[in-house]
Amino acid sequence: MGRIKSSTVRKAAQQLYNEIDEFNDSFENNKKLLKGVIKYKSTRNKLAGCIVGLAKKEKLKIV
């Protein structure tokens, strides 16, 4: 069960997910991709987790 993320984090995750094609449903992969973009570790982890959720939702829509 995950935490509720702020609207700022959700909006930023949505923008990043739409801009960068390499994101997928792997938290570790997303964290590595965000390392050069986001300076702070806690923010990077929140965004990576939110992007995992977006990727899983998109994967369910396609199938």
PDB file of N, CA and C in Angstrom:
ATOM      1  N   MET A   1       0.843  -1.166   0.000  1.00  0.00           N
ATOM      2  CA  MET A   1       0.000   0.000   0.000  1.00  0.00           C
ATOM      3  C   MET A   1       0.892   1.234   0.000  1.00  0.00           C
ATOM      4  N   GLY A   2       0.690   2.098  -0.950  1.00  0.00           N
ATOM      5  CA  GLY A   2       1.552   3.261  -1.091  1.00  0.00           C
ATOM      6  C   GLY A   2       0.994   4.504  -0.425  1.00  0.00           C
ATOM      7  N   ARG A   3       1.848   5.500  -0.354  1.00  0.00           N
ATOM      8  CA  ARG A   3       1.436   6.778   0.214  1.00  0.00           C
ATOM      9  C   ARG A   3       0.706   7.594  -0.837  1.00  0.00           C
ATOM     10  N   ILE A   4      -0.074   8.549  -0.384  1.00  0.00           N
ATOM     11  CA  ILE A   4      -0.739   9.475  -1.290  1.00  0.00           C
ATOM     12  C   ILE A   4       0.269  10.547  -1.682  1.00  0.00           C
ATOM     13  N   LYS A   5       0.452  10.748  -2.963  1.00  0.00           N
ATOM     14  CA  LYS A   5       1.432  11.722  -3.450  1.00  0.00           C
ATOM     15  C   LYS A   5       0.752  13.056  -3.722  1.00  0.00           C
ATOM     16  N   SER A   6       1.490  14.141  -3.527  1.00  0.00           N
ATOM     17  CA  SER A   6       0.927  15.474  -3.739  1.00  0.00           C
ATOM     18  C   SER A   6       0.647  15.703  -5.215  1.00  0.00           C
ATOM     19  N   SER A   7      -0.202  16.665  -5.491  1.00  0.00           N
ATOM     20  CA  SER A   7      -0.563  16.948  -6.880  1.00  0.00           C
ATOM     21  C   SER A   7       0.650  17.434  -7.676  1.00  0.00           C
ATOM     22  N   THR A   8       1.588  18.115  -7.015  1.00  0.00           N
ATOM     23  CA  THR A   8       2.787  18.583  -7.696  1.00  0.00           C
ATOM     24  C   THR A   8       3.621  17.402  -8.184  1.00  0.00           C
ATOM     25  N   VAL A   9       3.769  16.394  -7.337  1.00  0.00           N
ATOM     26  CA  VAL A   9       4.540  15.214  -7.709  1.00  0.00           C
ATOM     27  C   VAL A   9       3.838  14.465  -8.838  1.00  0.00           C
ATOM     28  N   ARG A  10       2.521  14.336  -8.747  1.00  0.00           N
ATOM     29  CA  ARG A  10       1.776  13.620  -9.786  1.00  0.00           C
ATOM     30  C   ARG A  10       1.857  14.330 -11.126  1.00  0.00           C
ATOM     31  N   LYS A  11       1.743  15.654 -11.123  1.00  0.00           N
ATOM     32  CA  LYS A  11       1.826  16.414 -12.379  1.00  0.00           C
ATOM     33  C   LYS A  11       3.221  16.319 -12.991  1.00  0.00           C
ATOM     34  N   ALA A  12       4.247  16.436 -12.146  1.00  0.00           N
ATOM     35  CA  ALA A  12       5.620  16.341 -12.638  1.00  0.00           C
ATOM     36  C   ALA A  12       5.902  14.949 -13.198  1.00  0.00           C
ATOM     37  N   ALA A  13       5.407  13.916 -12.516  1.00  0.00           N
ATOM     38  CA  ALA A  13       5.595  12.546 -12.994  1.00  0.00           C
ATOM     39  C   ALA A  13       4.913  12.347 -14.341  1.00  0.00           C
ATOM     40  N   GLN A  14       3.728  12.886 -14.497  1.00  0.00           N
ATOM     41  CA  GLN A  14       2.994  12.759 -15.761  1.00  0.00           C
ATOM     42  C   GLN A  14       3.758  13.438 -16.889  1.00  0.00           C
ATOM     43  N   GLN A  15       4.287  14.635 -16.629  1.00  0.00           N
ATOM     44  CA  GLN A  15       5.051  15.361 -17.649  1.00  0.00           C
ATOM     45  C   GLN A  15       6.305  14.589 -18.042  1.00  0.00           C
ATOM     46  N   LEU A  16       7.047  14.118 -17.039  1.00  0.00           N
ATOM     47  CA  LEU A  16       8.270  13.371 -17.321  1.00  0.00           C
ATOM     48  C   LEU A  16       7.972  12.081 -18.068  1.00  0.00           C
ATOM     49  N   TYR A  17       6.904  11.406 -17.678  1.00  0.00           N
ATOM     50  CA  TYR A  17       6.535  10.145 -18.328  1.00  0.00           C
ATOM     51  C   TYR A  17       6.190  10.363 -19.799  1.00  0.00           C
ATOM     52  N   ASN A  18       5.540  11.470 -20.101  1.00  0.00           N
ATOM     53  CA  ASN A  18       5.186  11.783 -21.488  1.00  0.00           C
ATOM     54  C   ASN A  18       6.397  12.214 -22.309  1.00  0.00           C
ATOM     55  N   GLU A  19       7.388  12.848 -21.675  1.00  0.00           N
ATOM     56  CA  GLU A  19       8.550  13.356 -22.393  1.00  0.00           C
ATOM     57  C   GLU A  19       9.614  12.292 -22.654  1.00  0.00           C
ATOM     58  N   ILE A  20       9.833  11.394 -21.679  1.00  0.00           N
ATOM     59  CA  ILE A  20      10.923  10.422 -21.776  1.00  0.00           C
ATOM     60  C   ILE A  20      10.340   9.039 -22.039  1.00  0.00           C
ATOM     61  N   ASP A  21      10.762   8.421 -23.129  1.00  0.00           N
ATOM     62  CA  ASP A  21      10.193   7.140 -23.554  1.00  0.00           C
ATOM     63  C   ASP A  21      10.794   5.929 -22.838  1.00  0.00           C
ATOM     64  N   GLU A  22      11.924   6.090 -22.161  1.00  0.00           N
ATOM     65  CA  GLU A  22      12.611   4.944 -21.556  1.00  0.00           C
ATOM     66  C   GLU A  22      11.983   4.471 -20.247  1.00  0.00           C
ATOM     67  N   PHE A  23      11.021   5.201 -19.693  1.00  0.00           N
ATOM     68  CA  PHE A  23      10.414   4.802 -18.425  1.00  0.00           C
ATOM     69  C   PHE A  23       9.596   3.531 -18.612  1.00  0.00           C
ATOM     70  N   ASN A  24       9.614   2.676 -17.587  1.00  0.00           N
ATOM     71  CA  ASN A  24       8.801   1.466 -17.599  1.00  0.00           C
ATOM     72  C   ASN A  24       8.306   1.178 -16.185  1.00  0.00           C
ATOM     73  N   ASP A  25       7.825  -0.033 -15.925  1.00  0.00           N
ATOM     74  CA  ASP A  25       7.260  -0.335 -14.613  1.00  0.00           C
ATOM     75  C   ASP A  25       8.297  -0.865 -13.619  1.00  0.00           C
ATOM     76  N   SER A  26       9.575  -0.567 -13.862  1.00  0.00           N
ATOM     77  CA  SER A  26      10.661  -0.932 -12.948  1.00  0.00           C
ATOM     78  C   SER A  26      11.091   0.305 -12.157  1.00  0.00           C
ATOM     79  N   PHE A  27      10.923   0.231 -10.838  1.00  0.00           N
ATOM     80  CA  PHE A  27      11.279   1.360  -9.978  1.00  0.00           C
ATOM     81  C   PHE A  27      12.765   1.687 -10.090  1.00  0.00           C
ATOM     82  N   GLU A  28      13.615   0.666 -10.059  1.00  0.00           N
ATOM     83  CA  GLU A  28      15.065   0.881 -10.104  1.00  0.00           C
ATOM     84  C   GLU A  28      15.492   1.536 -11.421  1.00  0.00           C
ATOM     85  N   ASN A  29      14.923   1.100 -12.529  1.00  0.00           N
ATOM     86  CA  ASN A  29      15.241   1.691 -13.830  1.00  0.00           C
ATOM     87  C   ASN A  29      14.821   3.161 -13.864  1.00  0.00           C
ATOM     88  N   ASN A  30      13.623   3.447 -13.381  1.00  0.00           N
ATOM     89  CA  ASN A  30      13.125   4.821 -13.392  1.00  0.00           C
ATOM     90  C   ASN A  30      13.969   5.721 -12.497  1.00  0.00           C
ATOM     91  N   LYS A  31      14.419   5.173 -11.376  1.00  0.00           N
ATOM     92  CA  LYS A  31      15.261   5.940 -10.460  1.00  0.00           C
ATOM     93  C   LYS A  31      16.575   6.322 -11.134  1.00  0.00           C
ATOM     94  N   LYS A  32      17.161   5.378 -11.883  1.00  0.00           N
ATOM     95  CA  LYS A  32      18.414   5.658 -12.589  1.00  0.00           C
ATOM     96  C   LYS A  32      18.208   6.712 -13.674  1.00  0.00           C
ATOM     97  N   LEU A  33      17.082   6.649 -14.378  1.00  0.00           N
ATOM     98  CA  LEU A  33      16.801   7.632 -15.427  1.00  0.00           C
ATOM     99  C   LEU A  33      16.610   9.031 -14.845  1.00  0.00           C
ATOM    100  N   LEU A  34      16.046   9.113 -13.656  1.00  0.00           N
ATOM    101  CA  LEU A  34      15.789  10.412 -13.030  1.00  0.00           C
ATOM    102  C   LEU A  34      17.017  11.000 -12.343  1.00  0.00           C
ATOM    103  N   LYS A  35      18.062  10.194 -12.152  1.00  0.00           N
ATOM    104  CA  LYS A  35      19.232  10.642 -11.407  1.00  0.00           C
ATOM    105  C   LYS A  35      19.864  11.903 -12.009  1.00  0.00           C
ATOM    106  N   GLY A  36      19.910  12.007 -13.315  1.00  0.00           N
ATOM    107  CA  GLY A  36      20.478  13.182 -13.951  1.00  0.00           C
ATOM    108  C   GLY A  36      19.527  14.358 -14.017  1.00  0.00           C
ATOM    109  N   VAL A  37      18.242  14.123 -13.780  1.00  0.00           N
ATOM    110  CA  VAL A  37      17.230  15.164 -13.921  1.00  0.00           C
ATOM    111  C   VAL A  37      16.882  15.803 -12.575  1.00  0.00           C
ATOM    112  N   ILE A  38      16.744  14.984 -11.534  1.00  0.00           N
ATOM    113  CA  ILE A  38      16.297  15.442 -10.220  1.00  0.00           C
ATOM    114  C   ILE A  38      17.450  15.356  -9.228  1.00  0.00           C
ATOM    115  N   LYS A  39      17.688  16.437  -8.514  1.00  0.00           N
ATOM    116  CA  LYS A  39      18.815  16.516  -7.595  1.00  0.00           C
ATOM    117  C   LYS A  39      18.566  15.764  -6.288  1.00  0.00           C
ATOM    118  N   TYR A  40      17.383  15.896  -5.707  1.00  0.00           N
ATOM    119  CA  TYR A  40      17.117  15.369  -4.375  1.00  0.00           C
ATOM    120  C   TYR A  40      16.603  13.939  -4.415  1.00  0.00           C
ATOM    121  N   LYS A  41      17.196  13.088  -3.566  1.00  0.00           N
ATOM    122  CA  LYS A  41      16.894  11.660  -3.557  1.00  0.00           C
ATOM    123  C   LYS A  41      15.435  11.366  -3.214  1.00  0.00           C
ATOM    124  N   SER A  42      14.890  12.036  -2.214  1.00  0.00           N
ATOM    125  CA  SER A  42      13.507  11.743  -1.803  1.00  0.00           C
ATOM    126  C   SER A  42      12.518  12.120  -2.902  1.00  0.00           C
ATOM    127  N   THR A  43      12.744  13.236  -3.558  1.00  0.00           N
ATOM    128  CA  THR A  43      11.877  13.654  -4.667  1.00  0.00           C
ATOM    129  C   THR A  43      12.010  12.691  -5.832  1.00  0.00           C
ATOM    130  N   ARG A  44      13.239  12.273  -6.103  1.00  0.00           N
ATOM    131  CA  ARG A  44      13.493  11.326  -7.185  1.00  0.00           C
ATOM    132  C   ARG A  44      12.762  10.004  -6.933  1.00  0.00           C
ATOM    133  N   ASN A  45      12.781   9.529  -5.703  1.00  0.00           N
ATOM    134  CA  ASN A  45      12.100   8.280  -5.368  1.00  0.00           C
ATOM    135  C   ASN A  45      10.588   8.415  -5.476  1.00  0.00           C
ATOM    136  N   LYS A  46      10.048   9.548  -5.044  1.00  0.00           N
ATOM    137  CA  LYS A  46       8.600   9.772  -5.159  1.00  0.00           C
ATOM    138  C   LYS A  46       8.166   9.784  -6.619  1.00  0.00           C
ATOM    139  N   LEU A  47       8.934  10.479  -7.447  1.00  0.00           N
ATOM    140  CA  LEU A  47       8.612  10.548  -8.870  1.00  0.00           C
ATOM    141  C   LEU A  47       8.737   9.178  -9.535  1.00  0.00           C
ATOM    142  N   ALA A  48       9.798   8.444  -9.191  1.00  0.00           N
ATOM    143  CA  ALA A  48       9.993   7.114  -9.781  1.00  0.00           C
ATOM    144  C   ALA A  48       8.830   6.199  -9.418  1.00  0.00           C
ATOM    145  N   GLY A  49       8.365   6.265  -8.183  1.00  0.00           N
ATOM    146  CA  GLY A  49       7.235   5.445  -7.758  1.00  0.00           C
ATOM    147  C   GLY A  49       5.957   5.819  -8.466  1.00  0.00           C
ATOM    148  N   CYS A  50       5.738   7.098  -8.650  1.00  0.00           N
ATOM    149  CA  CYS A  50       4.537   7.563  -9.340  1.00  0.00           C
ATOM    150  C   CYS A  50       4.574   7.158 -10.813  1.00  0.00           C
ATOM    151  N   ILE A  51       5.743   7.206 -11.408  1.00  0.00           N
ATOM    152  CA  ILE A  51       5.897   6.814 -12.811  1.00  0.00           C
ATOM    153  C   ILE A  51       5.645   5.312 -12.977  1.00  0.00           C
ATOM    154  N   VAL A  52       6.036   4.513 -11.980  1.00  0.00           N
ATOM    155  CA  VAL A  52       5.744   3.073 -12.027  1.00  0.00           C
ATOM    156  C   VAL A  52       4.233   2.863 -12.109  1.00  0.00           C
ATOM    157  N   GLY A  53       3.491   3.610 -11.317  1.00  0.00           N
ATOM    158  CA  GLY A  53       2.035   3.503 -11.353  1.00  0.00           C
ATOM    159  C   GLY A  53       1.467   3.887 -12.704  1.00  0.00           C
ATOM    160  N   LEU A  54       1.998   4.952 -13.292  1.00  0.00           N
ATOM    161  CA  LEU A  54       1.540   5.379 -14.616  1.00  0.00           C
ATOM    162  C   LEU A  54       1.841   4.321 -15.673  1.00  0.00           C
ATOM    163  N   ALA A  55       3.036   3.731 -15.594  1.00  0.00           N
ATOM    164  CA  ALA A  55       3.425   2.713 -16.575  1.00  0.00           C
ATOM    165  C   ALA A  55       2.538   1.479 -16.452  1.00  0.00           C
ATOM    166  N   LYS A  56       2.219   1.081 -15.227  1.00  0.00           N
ATOM    167  CA  LYS A  56       1.360  -0.090 -15.030  1.00  0.00           C
ATOM    168  C   LYS A  56      -0.053   0.175 -15.538  1.00  0.00           C
ATOM    169  N   LYS A  57      -0.563   1.392 -15.316  1.00  0.00           N
ATOM    170  CA  LYS A  57      -1.899   1.740 -15.808  1.00  0.00           C
ATOM    171  C   LYS A  57      -1.935   1.710 -17.330  1.00  0.00           C
ATOM    172  N   GLU A  58      -0.896   2.255 -17.959  1.00  0.00           N
ATOM    173  CA  GLU A  58      -0.838   2.268 -19.423  1.00  0.00           C
ATOM    174  C   GLU A  58      -0.718   0.849 -19.972  1.00  0.00           C
ATOM    175  N   LYS A  59       0.041   0.005 -19.289  1.00  0.00           N
ATOM    176  CA  LYS A  59       0.211  -1.377 -19.727  1.00  0.00           C
ATOM    177  C   LYS A  59      -1.128  -2.114 -19.692  1.00  0.00           C
ATOM    178  N   LEU A  60      -1.955  -1.842 -18.701  1.00  0.00           N
ATOM    179  CA  LEU A  60      -3.267  -2.481 -18.599  1.00  0.00           C
ATOM    180  C   LEU A  60      -4.212  -1.990 -19.697  1.00  0.00           C
ATOM    181  N   LYS A  61      -4.100  -0.722 -20.076  1.00  0.00           N
ATOM    182  CA  LYS A  61      -4.962  -0.177 -21.131  1.00  0.00           C
ATOM    183  C   LYS A  61      -4.660  -0.814 -22.478  1.00  0.00           C
ATOM    184  N   ILE A  62      -3.381  -1.046 -22.745  1.00  0.00           N
ATOM    185  CA  ILE A  62      -2.943  -1.603 -24.035  1.00  0.00           C
ATOM    186  C   ILE A  62      -3.420  -3.035 -24.169  1.00  0.00           C
ATOM    187  N   VAL A  63      -3.314  -3.789 -23.108  1.00  0.00           N
ATOM    188  CA  VAL A  63      -3.673  -5.220 -23.147  1.00  0.00           C
ATOM    189  C   VAL A  63      -5.131  -5.361 -23.051  1.00  0.00           C
TER     190      VAL A  63
END
